[in-house]
Amino acid sequence: MALLICKQLMFAQTDIDAIMMGKKRFCIGPMYSYSSWKDYWEGTLKRDNQNLGTVSTQMIGLMGNYGISSKLNVLFSVPYVKTKATAGTLSGMKGVQDLSLFVKWMPIEKEMLGGVFSLYGIGGISMPLTNYVADFLPLSIGLHSKTALARLMADYQTGSFFVTGSATYVLRDNIKIDRTSYYTTELLLTNEVKMPDGANFNFRTGIRNGRLIAEAVVNSWTTLGGFDITRNNMPFPSNKMNATTIGANFKYVILPTKHEVSLVCGANTTVAGRNMGKSNTFYGSLFYVLDFNRKAKSSDQPAKTN
């Protein structure tokens, strides 16, 4: 879940921002994030667990975005994840997690009230790339569920100031675990776990121009169903996992040439949660743009297109 929230806060022409890649331009680069927590919410009770100490998650991944046109982009990301606990006997896990694919469409972009209003529709899917274990929280590298999402996003920019808001529904497929019975609020004699769907709301505002983006972000994730961790028990994949985070993101174009190079960094912290760690996350990325157009015409690019 911390990884999901981190991905939702990262930006460099991603599925959660109001930036589009221009036609035949391909943005690609590595990304790294580090997230850790000591205190967590067991249901609504905030506590620590000395058998775990500090739980950390490191992620190294590859993200890319290709502009079919300035109004239609396709994106992907693949992360490698490693988890660790500083106390107790539980060993961390590591491995390649899930492949995520997105289509991002901007059907509306029009001048309004002295600025530009844009509307976006985003669809995406994700699927596990390896047979990692989901039933080993909080040290699992993922939930091993196939997902599909639909997002509606609106953006308004006047001068360098902008504000962006989005709402997302995430459909999650059931998973199978390596035991034939488990307990939620009742005993279930099966190895199949029904995964609740989720909803995400994201709000960001700040300044944005041709070389610099600086923004503040509020993100809210809500699991639409599930149950609370029972007292002194391990988390379970179908728990209700809610989190509200606040953070800041920055992007600076180091080389504003035809094949531009951008540095991206940011951080966020969890301010409210349920069955979640009170995590602090830091990340950084370096992105390179390949321009496959025969002639680059920067003047033809919209204000919010890279």
Protein backbone atom coordinates (compact mmCIF):
# COMPACT_ATOMS: atom_id res chain seq x y z
CA MET A 1 0.00 0.00 0.00
CA ALA A 2 2.86 2.37 0.73
CA LEU A 3 4.19 1.62 -2.75
CA LEU A 4 0.80 2.34 -4.29
CA ILE A 5 0.60 5.71 -2.58
CA CYS A 6 4.18 6.50 -3.53
CA LYS A 7 3.41 5.81 -7.19
CA GLN A 8 0.36 8.04 -6.98
CA LEU A 9 2.50 10.92 -5.73
CA MET A 10 5.34 10.51 -8.20
CA PHE A 11 5.16 12.56 -11.37
CA ALA A 12 6.98 13.12 -14.62
CA GLN A 13 4.25 12.76 -17.18
CA THR A 14 2.60 9.93 -15.20
CA ASP A 15 -0.95 8.62 -14.92
CA ILE A 16 -1.77 10.91 -11.97
CA ASP A 17 -0.63 14.32 -13.28
CA ALA A 18 -1.96 16.78 -15.86
CA ILE A 19 1.09 16.57 -18.14
CA MET A 20 0.99 14.98 -21.59
CA MET A 21 3.88 13.83 -23.72
CA GLY A 22 3.92 15.31 -27.21
CA LYS A 23 3.42 13.17 -30.31
CA LYS A 24 6.21 10.62 -30.92
CA ARG A 25 8.04 11.60 -27.73
CA PHE A 26 9.08 8.90 -25.27
CA CYS A 27 9.95 9.67 -21.65
CA ILE A 28 11.77 6.91 -19.76
CA GLY A 29 13.86 6.64 -16.63
CA PRO A 30 14.71 4.84 -13.40
CA MET A 31 13.03 5.67 -10.12
CA TYR A 32 13.94 4.94 -6.51
CA SER A 33 11.86 5.25 -3.35
CA TYR A 34 12.40 4.52 0.33
CA SER A 35 9.51 4.22 2.76
CA SER A 36 9.62 3.32 6.47
CA TRP A 37 7.38 3.21 9.53
CA LYS A 38 7.57 2.21 13.17
CA ASP A 39 4.10 3.14 14.40
CA TYR A 40 1.00 1.83 12.67
CA TRP A 41 -2.76 1.69 13.00
CA GLU A 42 -4.19 -1.63 14.15
CA GLY A 43 -7.73 -0.85 13.08
CA THR A 44 -8.10 2.66 14.49
CA LEU A 45 -5.65 2.06 17.38
CA LYS A 46 -2.28 3.70 16.80
CA ARG A 47 0.55 1.61 18.29
CA ASP A 48 4.02 0.16 17.70
CA ASN A 49 5.27 -3.42 17.57
CA GLN A 50 8.64 -4.19 19.14
CA ASN A 51 8.72 -7.54 17.33
CA LEU A 52 9.03 -5.62 14.05
CA GLY A 53 10.96 -2.49 14.96
CA THR A 54 11.09 -0.27 11.88
CA VAL A 55 9.67 -1.71 8.67
CA SER A 56 11.20 -0.33 5.49
CA THR A 57 10.45 -0.76 1.79
CA GLN A 58 12.87 0.08 -1.01
CA MET A 59 11.72 0.23 -4.61
CA ILE A 60 13.79 0.49 -7.77
CA GLY A 61 11.75 0.68 -10.94
CA LEU A 62 11.50 1.71 -14.55
CA MET A 63 8.78 4.05 -15.83
CA GLY A 64 7.98 5.12 -19.37
CA ASN A 65 5.46 7.27 -21.25
CA TYR A 66 4.97 7.45 -25.03
CA GLY A 67 2.94 10.09 -26.82
CA ILE A 68 0.78 8.56 -29.53
CA SER A 69 -0.46 12.13 -29.90
CA SER A 70 -0.42 15.20 -27.67
CA LYS A 71 -3.85 14.10 -26.41
CA LEU A 72 -3.26 10.34 -26.09
CA ASN A 73 -0.41 8.74 -24.11
CA VAL A 74 0.44 5.18 -23.06
CA LEU A 75 2.47 4.52 -19.91
CA PHE A 76 4.09 1.63 -18.06
CA SER A 77 5.99 0.94 -14.85
CA VAL A 78 7.81 -2.09 -13.43
CA PRO A 79 9.15 -2.04 -9.82
CA TYR A 80 11.64 -4.22 -7.97
CA VAL A 81 10.81 -4.20 -4.25
CA LYS A 82 12.73 -5.12 -1.10
CA THR A 83 11.33 -5.11 2.45
CA LYS A 84 13.03 -5.33 5.83
CA ALA A 85 12.22 -5.26 9.56
CA THR A 86 14.88 -4.16 12.06
CA ALA A 87 13.65 -6.37 14.92
CA GLY A 88 12.18 -9.81 15.45
CA THR A 89 12.62 -13.00 13.45
CA LEU A 90 10.62 -12.21 10.29
CA SER A 91 12.79 -11.96 7.19
CA GLY A 92 12.13 -9.37 4.53
CA MET A 93 11.23 -10.23 0.95
CA LYS A 94 12.46 -9.00 -2.41
CA GLY A 95 11.60 -9.40 -6.07
CA VAL A 96 9.95 -7.96 -9.14
CA GLN A 97 6.42 -6.88 -8.29
CA ASP A 98 3.66 -5.88 -10.77
CA LEU A 99 3.56 -4.54 -14.32
CA SER A 100 1.31 -1.48 -14.62
CA LEU A 101 -0.05 -0.23 -17.97
CA PHE A 102 -2.08 2.95 -18.52
CA VAL A 103 -3.82 4.87 -21.29
CA LYS A 104 -4.17 8.60 -20.69
CA TRP A 105 -6.55 10.70 -22.80
CA MET A 106 -7.17 14.46 -22.81
CA PRO A 107 -10.48 15.05 -24.65
CA ILE A 108 -10.92 18.65 -23.48
CA GLU A 109 -8.44 21.54 -23.36
CA LYS A 110 -9.93 25.02 -23.61
CA GLU A 111 -9.28 28.57 -22.49
CA MET A 112 -11.44 29.63 -19.56
CA LEU A 113 -11.41 32.55 -17.10
CA GLY A 114 -7.97 33.72 -18.16
CA GLY A 115 -6.43 30.27 -17.97
CA VAL A 116 -6.63 26.79 -19.49
CA PHE A 117 -9.02 24.06 -18.32
CA SER A 118 -8.26 20.43 -19.18
CA LEU A 119 -10.17 17.20 -18.59
CA TYR A 120 -8.54 13.75 -18.63
CA GLY A 121 -9.67 10.16 -18.65
CA ILE A 122 -7.24 7.45 -17.54
CA GLY A 123 -7.61 3.69 -17.65
CA GLY A 124 -5.11 1.18 -16.36
CA ILE A 125 -4.39 -2.41 -15.43
CA SER A 126 -1.75 -4.14 -13.33
CA MET A 127 -0.70 -7.76 -13.01
CA PRO A 128 1.89 -9.65 -10.93
CA LEU A 129 5.05 -10.53 -12.85
CA THR A 130 6.33 -13.10 -10.34
CA ASN A 131 4.82 -15.61 -7.96
CA TYR A 132 5.66 -13.62 -4.82
CA VAL A 133 3.86 -14.34 -1.53
CA ALA A 134 1.04 -11.92 -0.67
CA ASP A 135 0.10 -13.52 2.66
CA PHE A 136 3.14 -12.29 4.58
CA LEU A 137 2.21 -8.73 5.50
CA PRO A 138 3.71 -6.33 6.41
CA LEU A 139 6.80 -7.74 4.66
CA SER A 140 5.17 -8.87 1.42
CA ILE A 141 6.28 -6.95 -1.64
CA GLY A 142 2.69 -6.66 -2.91
CA LEU A 143 -0.85 -8.05 -2.73
CA HIS A 144 -0.58 -10.20 -5.91
CA SER A 145 -3.98 -9.05 -7.15
CA LYS A 146 -4.74 -8.17 -10.75
CA THR A 147 -6.29 -4.71 -10.84
CA ALA A 148 -8.07 -2.34 -13.21
CA LEU A 149 -8.63 1.36 -12.61
CA ALA A 150 -10.64 4.22 -14.08
CA ARG A 151 -9.75 7.83 -13.25
CA LEU A 152 -11.33 11.17 -14.05
CA MET A 153 -9.02 14.16 -13.65
CA ALA A 154 -9.50 17.92 -14.07
CA ASP A 155 -6.80 20.60 -14.24
CA TYR A 156 -6.85 24.39 -14.36
CA GLN A 157 -3.78 26.55 -15.00
CA THR A 158 -3.47 30.32 -15.11
CA GLY A 159 0.00 31.70 -15.65
CA SER A 160 2.31 29.39 -13.70
CA PHE A 161 -0.26 28.54 -11.02
CA PHE A 162 -2.25 25.32 -11.36
CA VAL A 163 -4.65 23.11 -9.45
CA THR A 164 -5.42 19.47 -10.27
CA GLY A 165 -7.98 17.08 -8.80
CA SER A 166 -8.73 13.45 -9.60
CA ALA A 167 -10.96 10.58 -8.48
CA THR A 168 -10.10 6.93 -9.12
CA TYR A 169 -11.93 3.63 -8.74
CA VAL A 170 -9.75 0.50 -8.45
CA LEU A 171 -11.22 -2.92 -9.19
CA ARG A 172 -9.23 -5.77 -7.62
CA ASP A 173 -9.33 -9.46 -8.51
CA ASN A 174 -9.39 -12.21 -5.89
CA ILE A 175 -6.11 -13.89 -4.92
CA LYS A 176 -5.11 -17.37 -3.74
CA ILE A 177 -2.87 -17.96 -0.73
CA ASP A 178 -0.79 -20.91 0.50
CA ARG A 179 -3.20 -22.16 3.14
CA THR A 180 -6.59 -23.83 2.95
CA SER A 181 -8.35 -21.86 5.68
CA TYR A 182 -8.13 -18.43 7.29
CA TYR A 183 -10.12 -16.17 9.60
CA THR A 184 -11.48 -12.72 8.79
CA THR A 185 -14.62 -12.02 10.80
CA GLU A 186 -15.46 -15.70 10.37
CA LEU A 187 -13.64 -18.93 9.54
CA LEU A 188 -13.35 -19.53 5.79
CA LEU A 189 -12.34 -22.99 4.53
CA THR A 190 -10.76 -21.92 1.25
CA ASN A 191 -7.48 -20.65 -0.17
CA GLU A 192 -9.21 -17.91 -2.19
CA VAL A 193 -9.32 -14.41 -0.72
CA LYS A 194 -11.93 -11.92 -1.88
CA MET A 195 -10.14 -8.60 -2.35
CA PRO A 196 -12.16 -5.42 -1.73
CA ASP A 197 -12.07 -2.66 -4.33
CA GLY A 198 -10.63 0.76 -3.56
CA ALA A 199 -11.11 4.46 -4.22
CA ASN A 200 -8.49 7.19 -4.44
CA PHE A 201 -8.79 10.98 -4.37
CA ASN A 202 -5.83 13.17 -5.22
CA PHE A 203 -5.48 16.96 -5.01
CA ARG A 204 -2.38 18.93 -6.01
CA THR A 205 -1.54 22.56 -6.52
CA GLY A 206 1.56 24.68 -7.10
CA ILE A 207 3.54 26.25 -9.89
CA ARG A 208 4.25 24.77 -13.31
CA ASN A 209 6.18 26.16 -16.25
CA GLY A 210 8.44 24.91 -19.04
CA ARG A 211 11.31 23.93 -16.71
CA LEU A 212 9.99 23.72 -13.15
CA ILE A 213 7.12 22.04 -11.32
CA ALA A 214 6.72 22.48 -7.57
CA GLU A 215 3.55 21.17 -5.99
CA ALA A 216 1.88 20.24 -2.72
CA VAL A 217 -0.16 17.03 -2.76
CA VAL A 218 -2.93 15.55 -0.63
CA ASN A 219 -3.81 11.92 -1.35
CA SER A 220 -6.56 9.77 0.14
CA TRP A 221 -6.89 6.02 -0.36
CA THR A 222 -9.96 4.11 0.93
CA THR A 223 -10.53 0.37 0.78
CA LEU A 224 -14.20 -0.28 -0.02
CA GLY A 225 -14.71 -3.19 2.31
CA GLY A 226 -12.42 -5.49 4.27
CA PHE A 227 -11.94 -5.85 8.03
CA ASP A 228 -9.59 -4.63 10.76
CA ILE A 229 -6.42 -6.34 11.97
CA THR A 230 -7.28 -8.28 15.10
CA ARG A 231 -5.37 -7.47 18.29
CA ASN A 232 -1.66 -8.44 18.11
CA ASN A 233 -2.19 -10.27 14.82
CA MET A 234 -0.49 -9.93 11.44
CA PRO A 235 -2.16 -7.92 8.68
CA PHE A 236 -4.08 -9.82 6.00
CA PRO A 237 -4.35 -9.00 2.26
CA SER A 238 -8.09 -8.25 2.43
CA ASN A 239 -7.86 -5.91 5.44
CA LYS A 240 -9.44 -2.50 5.21
CA MET A 241 -6.42 -0.30 4.44
CA ASN A 242 -7.08 3.45 4.50
CA ALA A 243 -4.49 6.21 4.36
CA THR A 244 -4.30 9.97 3.96
CA THR A 245 -0.92 11.41 2.98
CA ILE A 246 0.45 14.87 2.40
CA GLY A 247 3.61 15.66 0.50
CA ALA A 248 5.53 17.80 -1.95
CA ASN A 249 6.92 17.03 -5.41
CA PHE A 250 9.48 18.80 -7.56
CA LYS A 251 10.58 18.46 -11.16
CA TYR A 252 13.33 20.43 -12.85
CA VAL A 253 14.36 20.14 -16.49
CA ILE A 254 18.17 20.05 -16.36
CA LEU A 255 18.71 20.01 -20.12
CA PRO A 256 15.83 21.71 -21.97
CA THR A 257 16.89 20.38 -25.37
CA LYS A 258 15.09 18.23 -27.92
CA HIS A 259 16.04 15.15 -25.87
CA GLU A 260 15.51 16.76 -22.47
CA VAL A 261 16.72 15.42 -19.11
CA SER A 262 14.63 15.98 -15.97
CA LEU A 263 15.28 15.47 -12.28
CA VAL A 264 12.28 14.52 -10.14
CA CYS A 265 12.16 14.22 -6.34
CA GLY A 266 9.67 14.40 -3.50
CA ALA A 267 8.50 13.19 -0.12
CA ASN A 268 5.28 12.44 1.72
CA THR A 269 4.06 11.37 5.13
CA THR A 270 0.99 9.51 6.33
CA VAL A 271 -1.16 11.70 8.58
CA ALA A 272 -4.15 9.38 9.09
CA GLY A 273 -4.70 5.69 8.52
CA ARG A 274 -6.40 2.43 9.32
CA ASN A 275 -4.52 -0.88 9.29
CA MET A 276 -1.59 1.01 7.77
CA GLY A 277 1.90 2.02 8.79
CA LYS A 278 2.53 5.68 9.61
CA SER A 279 5.09 5.84 6.85
CA ASN A 280 7.47 8.50 5.60
CA THR A 281 8.46 8.18 1.94
CA PHE A 282 11.21 9.79 -0.11
CA TYR A 283 11.87 9.29 -3.79
CA GLY A 284 13.93 10.46 -6.73
CA SER A 285 13.97 9.88 -10.49
CA LEU A 286 15.92 10.89 -13.55
CA PHE A 287 13.98 10.97 -16.82
CA TYR A 288 15.19 11.25 -20.39
CA VAL A 289 12.99 12.22 -23.35
CA LEU A 290 13.59 10.67 -26.77
CA ASP A 291 12.05 12.72 -29.58
CA PHE A 292 11.19 10.61 -32.63
CA ASN A 293 9.85 13.54 -34.63
CA ARG A 294 11.93 14.43 -37.68
CA LYS A 295 11.87 18.08 -36.69
CA ALA A 296 11.31 19.32 -33.13
CA LYS A 297 9.05 22.36 -33.03
CA SER A 298 8.79 23.49 -29.42
CA SER A 299 6.34 26.21 -30.41
CA ASP A 300 3.85 23.53 -31.49
CA GLN A 301 3.71 22.01 -28.01
CA PRO A 302 0.84 22.99 -25.69
CA ALA A 303 1.75 24.70 -22.40
CA LYS A 304 1.18 21.52 -20.39
CA THR A 305 2.83 19.08 -22.81
CA ASN A 306 6.41 17.80 -22.62
